[in-house]
């Protein structure tokens, strides 16, 4: 999934108007994106235009009791994972980096297949 910021925002100074961001997860309907500071924060989807709405097939998707969506790659879906990232726990940071690398490689491979078709 990819999104762009709809408008400039004084509230969300860690996002840049016109930049494309990769959604790395969905939590209670909010998008978790790597912001300009390289941090995986949650943002309301109303901030963004969807550039690519495809949720990767390997994500674990669940629906909460109130109908809210949760979707993450398996390696990022554990309870407390992002708390560990924000606490700078090495294992969590390494797992996040590996997941981001895999997502970039998957996108690159998809683009290559599209050009050769």
C-alpha atoms as a PDB file:
ATOM      1  CA  UNK A   1       0.000   0.000   0.000  1.00  0.00           C
ATOM      2  CA  UNK A   2       1.207   3.487  -0.791  1.00  0.00           C
ATOM      3  CA  UNK A   3      -0.231   6.880   0.100  1.00  0.00           C
ATOM      4  CA  UNK A   4       0.508  10.575  -0.388  1.00  0.00           C
ATOM      5  CA  UNK A   5      -0.314  13.393   2.012  1.00  0.00           C
ATOM      6  CA  UNK A   6      -3.457  15.267   0.875  1.00  0.00           C
ATOM      7  CA  UNK A   7      -2.429  18.732   2.078  1.00  0.00           C
ATOM      8  CA  UNK A   8       0.334  20.434   4.030  1.00  0.00           C
ATOM      9  CA  UNK A   9      -0.283  20.114   7.733  1.00  0.00           C
ATOM     10  CA  UNK A  10       0.999  22.102  10.701  1.00  0.00           C
ATOM     11  CA  UNK A  11      -0.036  19.230  12.963  1.00  0.00           C
ATOM     12  CA  UNK A  12       1.850  16.514  11.090  1.00  0.00           C
ATOM     13  CA  UNK A  13       5.220  18.154  10.474  1.00  0.00           C
ATOM     14  CA  UNK A  14       6.865  14.745  10.167  1.00  0.00           C
ATOM     15  CA  UNK A  15       5.089  14.184   6.825  1.00  0.00           C
ATOM     16  CA  UNK A  16       5.786  16.097   3.609  1.00  0.00           C
ATOM     17  CA  UNK A  17       3.117  17.128   1.131  1.00  0.00           C
ATOM     18  CA  UNK A  18       3.704  15.358  -2.171  1.00  0.00           C
ATOM     19  CA  UNK A  19       5.862  12.556  -0.746  1.00  0.00           C
ATOM     20  CA  UNK A  20       4.778   8.968  -1.236  1.00  0.00           C
ATOM     21  CA  UNK A  21       4.762   6.807   1.877  1.00  0.00           C
ATOM     22  CA  UNK A  22       4.636   3.035   2.187  1.00  0.00           C
ATOM     23  CA  UNK A  23       1.960   1.798   4.582  1.00  0.00           C
ATOM     24  CA  UNK A  24       3.661  -0.859   6.713  1.00  0.00           C
ATOM     25  CA  UNK A  25       0.526  -1.796   8.636  1.00  0.00           C
ATOM     26  CA  UNK A  26      -3.047  -0.929   9.497  1.00  0.00           C
ATOM     27  CA  UNK A  27      -4.104  -0.632  13.123  1.00  0.00           C
ATOM     28  CA  UNK A  28      -7.707   0.055  14.088  1.00  0.00           C
ATOM     29  CA  UNK A  29      -8.126   1.529  10.605  1.00  0.00           C
ATOM     30  CA  UNK A  30      -5.180   3.946  10.947  1.00  0.00           C
ATOM     31  CA  UNK A  31      -2.175   3.655   8.653  1.00  0.00           C
ATOM     32  CA  UNK A  32       1.245   2.963  10.099  1.00  0.00           C
ATOM     33  CA  UNK A  33       3.806   4.649   7.848  1.00  0.00           C
ATOM     34  CA  UNK A  34       7.494   5.378   8.086  1.00  0.00           C
ATOM     35  CA  UNK A  35       7.459   9.151   8.434  1.00  0.00           C
ATOM     36  CA  UNK A  36      10.144  11.633   7.355  1.00  0.00           C
ATOM     37  CA  UNK A  37      11.991  11.000  10.623  1.00  0.00           C
ATOM     38  CA  UNK A  38      12.133   7.258   9.877  1.00  0.00           C
ATOM     39  CA  UNK A  39       9.655   6.452  12.649  1.00  0.00           C
ATOM     40  CA  UNK A  40       6.727   4.013  12.216  1.00  0.00           C
ATOM     41  CA  UNK A  41       3.821   6.169  13.421  1.00  0.00           C
ATOM     42  CA  UNK A  42       0.069   5.765  13.091  1.00  0.00           C
ATOM     43  CA  UNK A  43      -1.899   8.363  11.123  1.00  0.00           C
ATOM     44  CA  UNK A  44      -5.580   8.680  10.234  1.00  0.00           C
ATOM     45  CA  UNK A  45      -6.275   7.568   6.668  1.00  0.00           C
ATOM     46  CA  UNK A  46      -8.134  10.832   5.985  1.00  0.00           C
ATOM     47  CA  UNK A  47      -4.713  12.539   5.742  1.00  0.00           C
ATOM     48  CA  UNK A  48      -3.843  10.609   2.609  1.00  0.00           C
ATOM     49  CA  UNK A  49      -4.712   9.833  -0.984  1.00  0.00           C
ATOM     50  CA  UNK A  50      -4.292   6.165  -1.816  1.00  0.00           C
ATOM     51  CA  UNK A  51      -1.697   5.711  -4.546  1.00  0.00           C
ATOM     52  CA  UNK A  52      -1.689   1.917  -4.372  1.00  0.00           C
ATOM     53  CA  UNK A  53      -4.451   0.337  -2.297  1.00  0.00           C
ATOM     54  CA  UNK A  54      -3.238  -3.241  -2.583  1.00  0.00           C
ATOM     55  CA  UNK A  55      -2.696  -4.839   0.822  1.00  0.00           C
ATOM     56  CA  UNK A  56       0.144  -7.339   0.451  1.00  0.00           C
ATOM     57  CA  UNK A  57      -1.111 -10.920   0.283  1.00  0.00           C
ATOM     58  CA  UNK A  58       1.250 -12.050   3.042  1.00  0.00           C
ATOM     59  CA  UNK A  59      -0.179  -9.677   5.657  1.00  0.00           C
ATOM     60  CA  UNK A  60      -2.203 -11.089   8.537  1.00  0.00           C
ATOM     61  CA  UNK A  61      -5.561  -9.279   8.512  1.00  0.00           C
ATOM     62  CA  UNK A  62      -8.066  -9.286  11.352  1.00  0.00           C
ATOM     63  CA  UNK A  63     -11.258  -7.414  12.135  1.00  0.00           C
ATOM     64  CA  UNK A  64     -11.821  -6.067  15.636  1.00  0.00           C
ATOM     65  CA  UNK A  65     -15.028  -6.263  17.650  1.00  0.00           C
ATOM     66  CA  UNK A  66     -16.160  -2.878  16.319  1.00  0.00           C
ATOM     67  CA  UNK A  67     -15.347  -3.693  12.689  1.00  0.00           C
ATOM     68  CA  UNK A  68     -11.948  -1.974  12.677  1.00  0.00           C
ATOM     69  CA  UNK A  69      -9.179  -3.424  10.526  1.00  0.00           C
ATOM     70  CA  UNK A  70      -5.804  -4.670  11.712  1.00  0.00           C
ATOM     71  CA  UNK A  71      -3.277  -5.816   9.116  1.00  0.00           C
ATOM     72  CA  UNK A  72       0.454  -6.347   9.350  1.00  0.00           C
ATOM     73  CA  UNK A  73       3.173  -8.551   7.960  1.00  0.00           C
ATOM     74  CA  UNK A  74       3.439 -11.559  10.269  1.00  0.00           C
ATOM     75  CA  UNK A  75       6.774 -10.427  11.701  1.00  0.00           C
ATOM     76  CA  UNK A  76       5.317  -7.059  12.780  1.00  0.00           C
ATOM     77  CA  UNK A  77       1.996  -8.331  14.132  1.00  0.00           C
ATOM     78  CA  UNK A  78       3.024  -9.497  17.602  1.00  0.00           C
ATOM     79  CA  UNK A  79       1.518  -7.876  20.686  1.00  0.00           C
ATOM     80  CA  UNK A  80       3.798  -5.090  21.910  1.00  0.00           C
ATOM     81  CA  UNK A  81       6.033  -5.150  18.839  1.00  0.00           C
ATOM     82  CA  UNK A  82       5.941  -1.412  18.159  1.00  0.00           C
ATOM     83  CA  UNK A  83       6.310  -0.602  21.852  1.00  0.00           C
ATOM     84  CA  UNK A  84       9.574  -2.535  21.662  1.00  0.00           C
ATOM     85  CA  UNK A  85      10.580  -0.544  18.566  1.00  0.00           C
ATOM     86  CA  UNK A  86       9.950   2.734  20.397  1.00  0.00           C
ATOM     87  CA  UNK A  87      11.887   1.394  23.395  1.00  0.00           C
ATOM     88  CA  UNK A  88      14.819   0.815  20.987  1.00  0.00           C
ATOM     89  CA  UNK A  89      14.985  -2.916  21.652  1.00  0.00           C
ATOM     90  CA  UNK A  90      17.547  -4.333  19.243  1.00  0.00           C
ATOM     91  CA  UNK A  91      15.576  -7.424  18.220  1.00  0.00           C
ATOM     92  CA  UNK A  92      12.490  -5.369  17.344  1.00  0.00           C
ATOM     93  CA  UNK A  93      14.530  -2.780  15.422  1.00  0.00           C
ATOM     94  CA  UNK A  94      16.277  -5.541  13.457  1.00  0.00           C
ATOM     95  CA  UNK A  95      12.939  -7.217  12.674  1.00  0.00           C
ATOM     96  CA  UNK A  96      11.462  -3.916  11.472  1.00  0.00           C
ATOM     97  CA  UNK A  97      14.455  -3.207   9.236  1.00  0.00           C
ATOM     98  CA  UNK A  98      14.298  -6.712   7.760  1.00  0.00           C
ATOM     99  CA  UNK A  99      10.564  -6.340   7.087  1.00  0.00           C
ATOM    100  CA  UNK A 100      11.081  -2.956   5.392  1.00  0.00           C
ATOM    101  CA  UNK A 101      13.865  -4.401   3.250  1.00  0.00           C
ATOM    102  CA  UNK A 102      11.616  -7.303   2.190  1.00  0.00           C
ATOM    103  CA  UNK A 103       8.817  -4.882   1.294  1.00  0.00           C
ATOM    104  CA  UNK A 104      11.183  -2.768  -0.838  1.00  0.00           C
ATOM    105  CA  UNK A 105      12.530  -5.876  -2.589  1.00  0.00           C
ATOM    106  CA  UNK A 106       9.013  -7.151  -3.241  1.00  0.00           C
ATOM    107  CA  UNK A 107       7.992  -3.804  -4.765  1.00  0.00           C
ATOM    108  CA  UNK A 108      11.103  -3.744  -6.904  1.00  0.00           C
ATOM    109  CA  UNK A 109      10.442  -7.272  -8.174  1.00  0.00           C
ATOM    110  CA  UNK A 110       6.812  -6.376  -8.935  1.00  0.00           C
ATOM    111  CA  UNK A 111       7.897  -3.328 -10.945  1.00  0.00           C
ATOM    112  CA  UNK A 112      10.422  -5.433 -12.867  1.00  0.00           C
ATOM    113  CA  UNK A 113       7.813  -8.049 -13.724  1.00  0.00           C
ATOM    114  CA  UNK A 114       5.446  -5.304 -14.879  1.00  0.00           C
ATOM    115  CA  UNK A 115       8.046  -3.858 -17.261  1.00  0.00           C
ATOM    116  CA  UNK A 116       8.912  -7.229 -18.777  1.00  0.00           C
ATOM    117  CA  UNK A 117       5.297  -8.211 -19.419  1.00  0.00           C
END
